Amino acid sequence: MASVAKSRCPVCNVERVEKFRPFCSKRCAELDLGRWFTGSYAIPTEEIPDEFDIGMGDRNRDDEPF
């Protein structure tokens, strides 16, 4: 029978614990959450301009006369 590889904690690479899955401890779970809060992690996206931005170029709304 083939042995099953144990999952590792994504923060410290220690074998994970089921209670804190996918982490090995509460500390690593909180460190990971803190990284999301501080912006260390980010999901890449492609910015799509809104209809207001289209055709405005470098003009700013404040440049328009009243």
N, C-alpha and C. Protein backbone atom coordinates (compact mmCIF):
# COMPACT_ATOMS: atom_id res chain seq x y z
N MET A 1 0.84 -1.18 0.00
CA MET A 1 0.00 0.00 0.00
C MET A 1 0.89 1.24 0.00
N ALA A 2 0.55 2.21 -0.83
CA ALA A 2 1.33 3.45 -0.94
C ALA A 2 1.02 4.36 0.25
N SER A 3 2.04 5.03 0.74
CA SER A 3 1.82 5.95 1.85
C SER A 3 1.27 7.28 1.32
N VAL A 4 0.39 7.87 2.09
CA VAL A 4 -0.22 9.14 1.71
C VAL A 4 0.62 10.27 2.30
N ALA A 5 0.99 11.21 1.47
CA ALA A 5 1.78 12.36 1.94
C ALA A 5 0.90 13.27 2.79
N LYS A 6 1.41 13.68 3.92
CA LYS A 6 0.68 14.58 4.81
C LYS A 6 0.76 16.00 4.25
N SER A 7 -0.32 16.76 4.44
CA SER A 7 -0.30 18.16 4.00
C SER A 7 0.57 18.96 4.95
N ARG A 8 1.07 20.06 4.42
CA ARG A 8 1.94 20.93 5.19
C ARG A 8 1.27 22.28 5.39
N CYS A 9 1.61 22.93 6.48
CA CYS A 9 1.11 24.27 6.79
C CYS A 9 1.66 25.24 5.74
N PRO A 10 0.80 26.09 5.14
CA PRO A 10 1.29 27.03 4.13
C PRO A 10 2.15 28.16 4.70
N VAL A 11 2.14 28.34 6.01
CA VAL A 11 2.91 29.42 6.63
C VAL A 11 4.31 28.94 7.03
N CYS A 12 4.39 27.81 7.74
CA CYS A 12 5.69 27.38 8.27
C CYS A 12 6.16 26.03 7.74
N ASN A 13 5.34 25.37 6.93
CA ASN A 13 5.67 24.11 6.29
C ASN A 13 5.77 22.92 7.26
N VAL A 14 5.22 23.07 8.45
CA VAL A 14 5.15 21.96 9.41
C VAL A 14 3.91 21.15 9.07
N GLU A 15 3.89 19.86 9.42
CA GLU A 15 2.73 19.03 9.15
C GLU A 15 1.48 19.65 9.79
N ARG A 16 0.41 19.73 9.01
CA ARG A 16 -0.79 20.41 9.50
C ARG A 16 -1.53 19.58 10.54
N VAL A 17 -2.37 20.25 11.32
CA VAL A 17 -3.19 19.62 12.34
C VAL A 17 -4.64 19.79 11.92
N GLU A 18 -5.42 18.74 12.00
CA GLU A 18 -6.80 18.77 11.50
C GLU A 18 -7.62 19.90 12.14
N LYS A 19 -7.41 20.15 13.42
CA LYS A 19 -8.17 21.18 14.13
C LYS A 19 -7.99 22.57 13.51
N PHE A 20 -6.81 22.85 12.98
CA PHE A 20 -6.50 24.18 12.42
C PHE A 20 -6.35 24.15 10.91
N ARG A 21 -6.84 23.12 10.27
CA ARG A 21 -6.70 22.91 8.83
C ARG A 21 -6.95 24.17 8.04
N PRO A 22 -6.16 24.59 7.13
CA PRO A 22 -4.98 23.92 6.57
C PRO A 22 -3.68 24.28 7.29
N PHE A 23 -3.77 24.85 8.48
CA PHE A 23 -2.58 25.30 9.21
C PHE A 23 -2.19 24.28 10.27
N CYS A 24 -1.04 24.51 10.91
CA CYS A 24 -0.57 23.61 11.95
C CYS A 24 -0.98 24.10 13.34
N SER A 25 -1.32 25.38 13.45
CA SER A 25 -1.65 25.95 14.76
C SER A 25 -2.50 27.20 14.59
N LYS A 26 -3.07 27.64 15.70
CA LYS A 26 -3.85 28.88 15.68
C LYS A 26 -2.94 30.06 15.34
N ARG A 27 -1.71 30.03 15.80
CA ARG A 27 -0.75 31.10 15.52
C ARG A 27 -0.56 31.27 14.01
N CYS A 28 -0.33 30.17 13.30
CA CYS A 28 -0.12 30.26 11.85
C CYS A 28 -1.39 30.73 11.14
N ALA A 29 -2.56 30.30 11.62
CA ALA A 29 -3.82 30.75 11.03
C ALA A 29 -3.97 32.27 11.19
N GLU A 30 -3.63 32.77 12.38
CA GLU A 30 -3.73 34.21 12.64
C GLU A 30 -2.68 35.01 11.87
N LEU A 31 -1.49 34.46 11.71
CA LEU A 31 -0.46 35.12 10.90
C LEU A 31 -0.93 35.25 9.45
N ASP A 32 -1.54 34.20 8.92
CA ASP A 32 -2.04 34.22 7.56
C ASP A 32 -3.16 35.25 7.41
N LEU A 33 -4.08 35.31 8.35
CA LEU A 33 -5.16 36.28 8.33
C LEU A 33 -4.61 37.70 8.39
N GLY A 34 -3.60 37.91 9.22
CA GLY A 34 -2.97 39.22 9.33
C GLY A 34 -2.32 39.64 8.01
N ARG A 35 -1.77 38.69 7.29
CA ARG A 35 -1.17 39.01 5.99
C ARG A 35 -2.23 39.47 4.99
N TRP A 36 -3.41 38.87 5.05
CA TRP A 36 -4.51 39.34 4.18
C TRP A 36 -4.93 40.75 4.57
N PHE A 37 -5.05 41.00 5.88
CA PHE A 37 -5.48 42.32 6.35
C PHE A 37 -4.50 43.43 5.99
N THR A 38 -3.21 43.14 6.03
CA THR A 38 -2.21 44.17 5.74
C THR A 38 -1.90 44.31 4.26
N GLY A 39 -2.49 43.46 3.45
CA GLY A 39 -2.27 43.56 2.01
C GLY A 39 -1.05 42.81 1.51
N SER A 40 -0.45 41.98 2.36
CA SER A 40 0.69 41.18 1.91
C SER A 40 0.27 40.19 0.83
N TYR A 41 -0.95 39.72 0.94
CA TYR A 41 -1.51 38.85 -0.09
C TYR A 41 -2.48 39.69 -0.90
N ALA A 42 -2.55 39.43 -2.17
CA ALA A 42 -3.51 40.13 -3.02
C ALA A 42 -3.92 39.22 -4.16
N ILE A 43 -5.15 39.32 -4.56
CA ILE A 43 -5.65 38.56 -5.69
C ILE A 43 -5.50 39.44 -6.91
N PRO A 44 -4.70 39.01 -7.88
CA PRO A 44 -4.49 39.85 -9.07
C PRO A 44 -5.77 39.97 -9.89
N THR A 45 -6.06 41.17 -10.32
CA THR A 45 -7.23 41.41 -11.17
C THR A 45 -6.84 42.37 -12.27
N GLU A 46 -7.64 42.38 -13.30
CA GLU A 46 -7.45 43.34 -14.38
C GLU A 46 -8.49 44.42 -14.19
N GLU A 47 -8.03 45.65 -14.01
CA GLU A 47 -8.94 46.76 -13.78
C GLU A 47 -9.72 47.08 -15.06
N ILE A 48 -11.02 47.15 -14.95
CA ILE A 48 -11.88 47.52 -16.07
C ILE A 48 -12.39 48.92 -15.80
N PRO A 49 -12.13 49.86 -16.71
CA PRO A 49 -12.57 51.24 -16.46
C PRO A 49 -14.10 51.35 -16.46
N ASP A 50 -14.64 52.22 -15.58
CA ASP A 50 -16.09 52.42 -15.59
C ASP A 50 -16.44 53.35 -16.75
N GLU A 51 -17.73 53.47 -16.97
CA GLU A 51 -18.19 54.28 -18.11
C GLU A 51 -17.76 55.74 -17.98
N PHE A 52 -17.58 56.25 -16.75
CA PHE A 52 -17.15 57.63 -16.55
C PHE A 52 -15.71 57.82 -17.03
N ASP A 53 -14.86 56.81 -16.77
CA ASP A 53 -13.45 56.91 -17.13
C ASP A 53 -13.22 56.82 -18.64
N ILE A 54 -14.11 56.14 -19.36
CA ILE A 54 -13.93 55.97 -20.79
C ILE A 54 -14.09 57.32 -21.49
N GLY A 55 -13.11 57.69 -22.28
CA GLY A 55 -13.17 58.94 -23.02
C GLY A 55 -12.72 60.16 -22.24
N MET A 56 -12.46 60.04 -20.97
CA MET A 56 -12.04 61.20 -20.17
C MET A 56 -10.54 61.43 -20.28
N GLY A 57 -9.79 60.39 -20.62
CA GLY A 57 -8.34 60.54 -20.71
C GLY A 57 -7.77 61.04 -19.41
N ASP A 58 -6.92 62.07 -19.49
CA ASP A 58 -6.30 62.63 -18.30
C ASP A 58 -7.11 63.76 -17.68
N ARG A 59 -8.25 64.06 -18.25
CA ARG A 59 -9.06 65.16 -17.71
C ARG A 59 -9.63 64.78 -16.35
N ASN A 60 -9.76 65.78 -15.54
CA ASN A 60 -10.31 65.61 -14.22
C ASN A 60 -11.63 66.38 -14.17
N ARG A 61 -12.59 65.93 -13.41
CA ARG A 61 -13.88 66.62 -13.31
C ARG A 61 -13.72 68.07 -12.87
N ASP A 62 -12.69 68.35 -12.05
CA ASP A 62 -12.47 69.70 -11.55
C ASP A 62 -12.02 70.65 -12.65
N ASP A 63 -11.56 70.13 -13.78
CA ASP A 63 -11.09 70.97 -14.89
C ASP A 63 -12.24 71.58 -15.68
N GLU A 64 -13.44 71.03 -15.55
CA GLU A 64 -14.57 71.51 -16.33
C GLU A 64 -15.11 72.81 -15.74
N PRO A 65 -15.42 73.81 -16.60
CA PRO A 65 -16.01 75.06 -16.09
C PRO A 65 -17.46 74.82 -15.68
N PHE A 66 -17.95 75.67 -14.82
CA PHE A 66 -19.33 75.54 -14.34
C PHE A 66 -20.30 76.00 -15.37
